[in-house]
Amino acid sequence: MTLGKGSLVLALWRLTRVWSFGTAGVWYAGRVQRTLPDGRVRIRFCHGKVRLHAKDSFDVIRVKSALPFGKHQCGPYTREYARTLADLSESIWPGKSKWVAVDRESKWYVGRVTKVASNPSAWHVAENNGQKGWHGATSLRFLKHKAPHLLSGPYSPQFIDTISVKAAPRTTRIAKFRPVVKGIKEQTLSFMEGQRVIGSASIKPNEWWMGTIVSVRRDKGITIIQFDNGKRLGSPRAIHDFRPITPIFTGQSGPYTLAQAERIWKKYRLTD
């Protein structure tokens, strides 16, 4: 690898700890600002900060094509994704990909759709920063950006509004149930992708957890929920085991008893 002043590179910015699995790198794009007599190179990243790396370091990859990196489209990337970008022969992404931004706690991250649910009402997204997961329509935006493969995140909702179109929910289920908490009459609820719910994550009566609806299949009576405790439930059973709530609830994920869950729902339930 030959590096000189002005070389476009992808380089390690910092290491992050991944629980018991060791460390993982956070990579950004930049240019070599100068070469030093001791064999190191000074790299100015596109976000404006500077790092020194050894000239022959494995933590610096020269980019083959003239990728249009910029302040808002230069990382963070994983090592694997950085290598993929560096090896591109052209500045555009090869093939046809659906690029989207996904919402995680009001912060938006960019990635590619890799799988679509059969309805379709949920999308599996591989983010450019290495995260992967299923997302419903209300937490996902399709991008209209010239170089989405260079975006990553986190981005503000305002920035995402300028480069995306909103994906509308595909399916809604309606169900009635009679709460056990006094003072609430029989309710008619609607369920759709992206909603936050508190629901029964197992057949045990006292295991109610927070979760997110990732898919609704009205024709087969199935609601797929990704619970915060890691469980994923495709439920053909009674939909009255779930309660939609507003996203402003910030309490613990669970577990709760049925009575506790309905008290939370009574305070944070969605209203028309």
Protein backbone atom coordinates (compact mmCIF):
# COMPACT_ATOMS: atom_id res chain seq x y z
CA MET A 1 0.00 0.00 0.00
CA THR A 2 1.49 3.30 -1.12
CA LEU A 3 0.32 6.31 0.85
CA GLY A 4 1.18 9.91 0.13
CA LYS A 5 -0.14 13.36 0.80
CA GLY A 6 -3.77 13.57 -0.32
CA SER A 7 -4.41 9.82 -0.43
CA LEU A 8 -8.05 8.96 0.26
CA VAL A 9 -8.24 6.35 3.03
CA LEU A 10 -10.49 4.59 5.47
CA ALA A 11 -8.84 4.31 8.87
CA LEU A 12 -9.49 3.15 12.42
CA TRP A 13 -10.72 6.02 14.58
CA ARG A 14 -11.13 4.22 17.91
CA LEU A 15 -11.77 0.83 19.49
CA THR A 16 -15.04 0.04 21.24
CA ARG A 17 -15.63 -2.74 23.74
CA VAL A 18 -18.21 -5.36 22.74
CA TRP A 19 -19.04 -6.88 26.11
CA SER A 20 -17.23 -10.22 26.60
CA PHE A 21 -16.37 -10.54 22.91
CA GLY A 22 -13.34 -8.21 23.04
CA THR A 23 -13.12 -5.05 20.98
CA ALA A 24 -14.38 -3.78 17.64
CA GLY A 25 -13.15 -0.88 15.56
CA VAL A 26 -14.93 2.29 14.50
CA TRP A 27 -13.74 3.38 11.05
CA TYR A 28 -14.04 6.71 9.24
CA ALA A 29 -12.96 8.15 5.90
CA GLY A 30 -10.25 10.79 5.56
CA ARG A 31 -7.17 11.93 3.69
CA VAL A 32 -3.46 11.69 4.41
CA GLN A 33 -2.40 15.19 5.44
CA ARG A 34 1.32 14.49 5.62
CA THR A 35 3.90 11.71 6.02
CA LEU A 36 6.26 11.93 8.98
CA PRO A 37 9.99 10.96 9.08
CA ASP A 38 9.30 8.18 11.60
CA GLY A 39 7.11 6.32 9.09
CA ARG A 40 3.75 7.46 10.39
CA VAL A 41 1.05 9.30 8.46
CA ARG A 42 -1.14 12.11 9.72
CA ILE A 43 -4.77 11.52 8.68
CA ARG A 44 -7.43 14.21 8.79
CA PHE A 45 -10.82 12.54 8.91
CA CYS A 46 -13.80 14.00 7.08
CA HIS A 47 -15.43 14.85 10.41
CA GLY A 48 -12.51 17.22 11.06
CA LYS A 49 -10.40 15.37 13.63
CA VAL A 50 -6.86 14.00 13.22
CA ARG A 51 -5.11 10.72 14.03
CA LEU A 52 -1.59 9.37 13.50
CA HIS A 53 -1.15 5.86 12.09
CA ALA A 54 1.83 3.77 11.02
CA LYS A 55 2.24 3.98 7.24
CA ASP A 56 2.07 0.18 6.86
CA SER A 57 -0.64 -0.30 9.49
CA PHE A 58 -3.52 -2.71 8.90
CA ASP A 59 -5.72 0.03 10.42
CA VAL A 60 -5.38 2.19 7.29
CA ILE A 61 -6.91 1.15 3.94
CA ARG A 62 -6.40 3.09 0.76
CA VAL A 63 -9.62 3.71 -1.20
CA LYS A 64 -9.49 2.63 -4.86
CA SER A 65 -12.20 4.89 -6.32
CA ALA A 66 -13.09 8.54 -5.78
CA LEU A 67 -15.87 8.02 -3.25
CA PRO A 68 -17.63 11.33 -2.42
CA PHE A 69 -17.08 11.27 1.32
CA GLY A 70 -18.21 14.31 3.29
CA LYS A 71 -18.87 15.53 6.81
CA HIS A 72 -22.18 13.65 7.08
CA GLN A 73 -21.18 10.64 4.97
CA CYS A 74 -17.85 9.32 6.19
CA GLY A 75 -18.70 6.76 8.91
CA PRO A 76 -18.73 5.20 11.38
CA TYR A 77 -18.20 1.86 9.66
CA THR A 78 -17.09 -1.59 10.75
CA ARG A 79 -13.74 -2.91 9.48
CA GLU A 80 -15.55 -5.29 7.12
CA TYR A 81 -17.72 -2.56 5.65
CA ALA A 82 -14.74 -0.21 5.34
CA ARG A 83 -12.91 -2.87 3.31
CA THR A 84 -15.96 -3.30 1.08
CA LEU A 85 -16.07 0.44 0.38
CA ALA A 86 -12.32 0.65 -0.20
CA ASP A 87 -12.48 -2.14 -2.79
CA LEU A 88 -15.25 -0.58 -4.89
CA SER A 89 -14.06 -0.03 -8.45
CA GLU A 90 -16.59 2.77 -8.96
CA SER A 91 -18.00 5.44 -6.68
CA ILE A 92 -21.50 3.95 -6.87
CA TRP A 93 -22.77 0.85 -5.06
CA PRO A 94 -22.89 -2.19 -7.36
CA GLY A 95 -26.31 -3.69 -8.10
CA LYS A 96 -29.71 -2.62 -6.89
CA SER A 97 -30.20 -2.18 -3.14
CA LYS A 98 -32.98 -0.63 -1.10
CA TRP A 99 -31.35 1.85 1.24
CA VAL A 100 -33.21 2.94 4.34
CA ALA A 101 -32.82 4.84 7.60
CA VAL A 102 -34.07 3.19 10.79
CA ASP A 103 -35.12 4.84 14.03
CA ARG A 104 -33.58 3.79 17.33
CA GLU A 105 -34.60 6.06 20.23
CA SER A 106 -35.00 9.13 17.98
CA LYS A 107 -31.58 8.60 16.38
CA TRP A 108 -31.44 7.42 12.77
CA TYR A 109 -29.03 4.95 11.17
CA VAL A 110 -28.59 3.98 7.51
CA GLY A 111 -28.38 0.52 6.01
CA ARG A 112 -29.57 -1.89 3.31
CA VAL A 113 -32.72 -4.01 3.27
CA THR A 114 -31.57 -7.65 3.19
CA LYS A 115 -34.88 -9.48 3.80
CA VAL A 116 -38.56 -8.63 3.51
CA ALA A 117 -41.38 -10.32 5.41
CA SER A 118 -43.78 -12.27 3.21
CA ASN A 119 -46.71 -9.79 3.57
CA PRO A 120 -44.49 -7.49 3.29
CA SER A 121 -44.78 -5.43 6.47
CA ALA A 122 -41.35 -5.75 8.07
CA TRP A 123 -37.84 -5.34 6.74
CA HIS A 124 -34.55 -6.79 7.91
CA VAL A 125 -31.86 -4.12 7.69
CA ALA A 126 -28.07 -4.47 7.75
CA GLU A 127 -26.83 -1.07 8.91
CA ASN A 128 -23.54 0.35 7.66
CA ASN A 129 -22.29 0.51 11.25
CA GLY A 130 -22.70 -3.26 11.71
CA GLN A 131 -26.07 -3.46 13.49
CA LYS A 132 -28.72 -5.82 12.09
CA GLY A 133 -32.40 -6.31 12.87
CA TRP A 134 -36.06 -6.30 11.85
CA HIS A 135 -37.98 -3.02 11.59
CA GLY A 136 -41.61 -2.10 11.05
CA ALA A 137 -42.86 0.59 8.71
CA THR A 138 -43.25 3.32 11.31
CA SER A 139 -39.58 3.13 12.31
CA LEU A 140 -38.18 3.08 8.77
CA ARG A 141 -37.61 5.59 5.94
CA PHE A 142 -36.61 4.86 2.34
CA LEU A 143 -33.75 7.11 1.19
CA LYS A 144 -33.50 9.37 -1.84
CA HIS A 145 -29.75 10.05 -1.54
CA LYS A 146 -27.09 9.88 -4.26
CA ALA A 147 -24.57 8.00 -2.12
CA PRO A 148 -26.47 6.15 0.64
CA HIS A 149 -23.70 3.55 0.93
CA LEU A 150 -21.48 6.25 2.49
CA LEU A 151 -24.01 7.25 5.16
CA SER A 152 -24.08 5.68 8.61
CA GLY A 153 -25.37 7.54 11.69
CA PRO A 154 -26.57 8.60 14.12
CA TYR A 155 -28.45 11.37 12.34
CA SER A 156 -31.11 13.77 13.56
CA PRO A 157 -34.75 13.38 12.45
CA GLN A 158 -34.44 16.75 10.68
CA PHE A 159 -31.53 15.53 8.52
CA ILE A 160 -33.34 12.29 7.66
CA ASP A 161 -36.42 14.30 6.63
CA THR A 162 -34.34 15.98 3.90
CA ILE A 163 -33.10 12.71 2.32
CA SER A 164 -35.99 10.27 2.75
CA VAL A 165 -39.62 9.38 2.16
CA LYS A 166 -41.76 7.88 4.90
CA ALA A 167 -42.83 4.23 4.64
CA ALA A 168 -46.54 3.89 5.43
CA PRO A 169 -47.75 1.04 7.67
CA ARG A 170 -49.00 -1.85 5.56
CA THR A 171 -51.40 -3.72 7.85
CA THR A 172 -53.54 -3.14 10.94
CA ARG A 173 -55.32 -5.65 13.17
CA ILE A 174 -58.31 -4.80 15.33
CA ALA A 175 -59.14 -6.65 18.57
CA LYS A 176 -61.37 -6.27 21.63
CA PHE A 177 -60.53 -7.20 25.22
CA ARG A 178 -61.83 -6.57 28.73
CA PRO A 179 -59.12 -5.17 31.08
CA VAL A 180 -58.72 -6.50 34.63
CA VAL A 181 -57.96 -3.04 36.04
CA LYS A 182 -60.99 -1.30 37.51
CA GLY A 183 -62.25 1.84 35.82
CA ILE A 184 -61.50 0.79 32.21
CA LYS A 185 -64.29 -0.51 30.01
CA GLU A 186 -63.95 -3.03 27.20
CA GLN A 187 -61.47 -1.68 24.66
CA THR A 188 -61.09 -1.89 20.90
CA LEU A 189 -57.41 -1.73 19.97
CA SER A 190 -55.57 -1.43 16.67
CA PHE A 191 -52.13 -2.96 16.12
CA MET A 192 -49.67 -2.01 13.38
CA GLU A 193 -45.99 -2.31 12.55
CA GLY A 194 -43.60 -0.21 14.62
CA GLN A 195 -45.91 0.17 17.63
CA ARG A 196 -44.50 -0.21 21.12
CA VAL A 197 -46.44 -2.72 23.21
CA ILE A 198 -46.41 -4.37 26.58
CA GLY A 199 -47.24 -8.01 26.12
CA SER A 200 -47.09 -11.57 27.34
CA ALA A 201 -43.72 -13.00 26.29
CA SER A 202 -44.46 -16.55 27.46
CA ILE A 203 -47.24 -18.80 28.73
CA LYS A 204 -46.34 -17.82 32.32
CA PRO A 205 -48.89 -15.33 33.75
CA ASN A 206 -46.32 -12.97 35.27
CA GLU A 207 -43.98 -12.46 32.33
CA TRP A 208 -45.13 -9.32 30.55
CA TRP A 209 -42.41 -7.38 28.74
CA MET A 210 -41.98 -4.31 26.60
CA GLY A 211 -41.57 -4.95 22.87
CA THR A 212 -42.08 -3.65 19.33
CA ILE A 213 -44.44 -5.00 16.66
CA VAL A 214 -42.34 -5.81 13.60
CA SER A 215 -45.01 -7.48 11.48
CA VAL A 216 -48.79 -7.84 11.36
CA ARG A 217 -50.40 -10.53 9.20
CA ARG A 218 -54.09 -9.81 9.35
CA ASP A 219 -55.10 -12.62 7.00
CA LYS A 220 -53.56 -15.29 9.27
CA GLY A 221 -54.20 -13.59 12.60
CA ILE A 222 -50.48 -13.36 13.43
CA THR A 223 -48.72 -10.49 15.15
CA ILE A 224 -44.92 -10.75 15.32
CA ILE A 225 -43.35 -8.99 18.30
CA GLN A 226 -39.67 -8.46 19.12
CA PHE A 227 -39.52 -8.22 22.92
CA ASP A 228 -36.86 -6.19 24.74
CA ASN A 229 -35.68 -9.32 26.58
CA GLY A 230 -34.55 -10.79 23.24
CA LYS A 231 -37.52 -13.10 22.62
CA ARG A 232 -39.32 -12.99 19.30
CA LEU A 233 -42.93 -14.08 19.23
CA GLY A 234 -45.07 -14.94 16.23
CA SER A 235 -48.41 -15.20 17.94
CA PRO A 236 -51.42 -17.03 16.53
CA ARG A 237 -52.97 -16.84 20.02
CA ALA A 238 -55.30 -14.20 21.44
CA ILE A 239 -54.19 -10.70 20.53
CA HIS A 240 -55.59 -9.45 23.86
CA ASP A 241 -52.26 -10.61 25.36
CA PHE A 242 -50.74 -7.35 24.05
CA ARG A 243 -51.39 -3.69 24.83
CA PRO A 244 -50.18 -0.81 22.59
CA ILE A 245 -48.61 2.07 24.53
CA THR A 246 -47.04 5.41 23.71
CA PRO A 247 -43.25 5.58 23.08
CA ILE A 248 -42.83 8.07 25.96
CA PHE A 249 -42.81 5.24 28.52
CA THR A 250 -39.22 4.91 29.73
CA GLY A 251 -39.55 2.42 32.58
CA GLN A 252 -37.80 -0.93 32.81
CA SER A 253 -38.51 -3.53 30.13
CA GLY A 254 -39.94 -6.11 32.56
CA PRO A 255 -40.97 -8.60 33.70
CA TYR A 256 -44.38 -7.44 34.96
CA THR A 257 -47.49 -9.18 36.21
CA LEU A 258 -50.70 -8.78 34.22
CA ALA A 259 -52.04 -6.29 36.76
CA GLN A 260 -48.81 -4.25 36.66
CA ALA A 261 -48.80 -4.33 32.86
CA GLU A 262 -52.35 -3.00 32.68
CA ARG A 263 -51.58 -0.22 35.15
CA ILE A 264 -48.73 0.86 32.87
CA TRP A 265 -51.05 0.60 29.89
CA LYS A 266 -53.76 2.62 31.69
CA LYS A 267 -51.28 5.49 32.17
CA TYR A 268 -49.49 5.28 28.81
CA ARG A 269 -52.12 3.80 26.48
CA LEU A 270 -52.60 5.14 22.99
CA THR A 271 -55.72 7.24 22.57
CA ASP A 272 -57.48 8.43 19.41
